[in-house]
Protein backbone atom coordinates (compact mmCIF):
# COMPACT_ATOMS: atom_id res chain seq x y z
CA MET A 1 0.12 -0.23 -0.14
CA GLU A 2 2.72 2.50 1.19
CA SER A 3 4.20 1.86 -2.12
CA GLY A 4 2.40 3.52 -4.13
CA PRO A 5 3.37 6.90 -3.04
CA ALA A 6 7.09 6.35 -3.94
CA ILE A 7 6.06 5.42 -7.07
CA PHE A 8 4.75 8.39 -7.69
CA ALA A 9 7.72 10.22 -6.13
CA GLY A 10 10.26 8.61 -8.02
CA THR A 11 8.42 9.43 -11.46
CA ALA A 12 8.29 13.08 -10.34
CA PHE A 13 12.04 13.35 -9.39
CA THR A 14 13.20 10.93 -12.18
CA LEU A 15 11.44 12.88 -14.76
CA PHE A 16 12.91 16.54 -13.25
CA GLY A 17 16.16 15.61 -13.08
CA ALA A 18 16.14 13.88 -16.36
CA GLY A 19 14.46 17.17 -17.66
CA LEU A 20 16.74 19.77 -16.04
CA LEU A 21 19.69 17.57 -17.56
CA LEU A 22 18.30 17.48 -20.73
CA TRP A 23 17.52 20.89 -21.19
CA THR A 24 20.63 22.42 -19.59
CA GLY A 25 22.51 20.39 -22.04
CA ALA A 26 20.01 21.76 -24.99
CA ARG A 27 21.15 25.28 -24.47
CA LEU A 28 24.69 24.42 -23.56
CA ARG A 29 24.68 22.54 -27.67
CA HIS A 30 23.23 26.09 -28.72
CA ARG A 31 25.47 28.22 -26.00
CA ALA A 32 22.23 30.12 -25.40
CA PRO A 33 22.10 30.89 -21.94
CA VAL A 34 20.95 28.63 -19.57
CA ALA A 35 19.58 31.19 -16.89
CA HIS A 36 19.18 35.16 -17.67
CA GLY A 37 20.90 37.32 -15.25
CA VAL A 38 23.25 34.47 -13.49
CA SER A 39 26.50 34.15 -14.49
CA PRO A 40 26.94 31.23 -16.86
CA ALA A 41 29.44 29.23 -14.96
CA THR A 42 27.26 29.60 -11.83
CA ALA A 43 23.56 28.54 -13.54
CA THR A 44 25.34 25.43 -15.59
CA ALA A 45 26.70 24.39 -12.91
CA LEU A 46 23.53 24.41 -10.33
CA ALA A 47 21.26 23.28 -13.09
CA ILE A 48 23.42 20.17 -13.49
CA PHE A 49 23.97 19.57 -9.67
CA PHE A 50 20.49 20.12 -8.76
CA GLY A 51 19.18 17.47 -12.04
CA ALA A 52 21.91 14.90 -10.67
CA ALA A 53 20.26 14.62 -7.62
CA PHE A 54 16.52 14.76 -8.48
CA LEU A 55 17.79 12.19 -10.72
CA ALA A 56 19.75 10.15 -8.01
CA LEU A 57 16.62 11.36 -5.62
CA GLY A 58 14.18 9.48 -7.94
CA VAL A 59 16.53 6.06 -8.35
CA TRP A 60 16.28 6.02 -4.95
CA CYS A 61 12.54 6.43 -4.47
CA PHE A 62 12.50 3.72 -6.96
CA GLY A 63 15.14 1.84 -4.28
CA ARG A 64 12.16 1.87 -1.29
CA VAL A 65 9.92 0.09 -2.91
């Protein structure tokens, strides 16, 4: 019964993390800014960090099922 919320959370975190990493990669490939008004190095580093963190959190949630 309690595996339902873990599956939902794992799916949400994994999709968001993967989407953030794909979006960041596409922005970098086109040499477009990742975030406006922020240092490009800082925006890139934070986007990659949080994308990987959400992806890892989603995998962890699936491991708890």
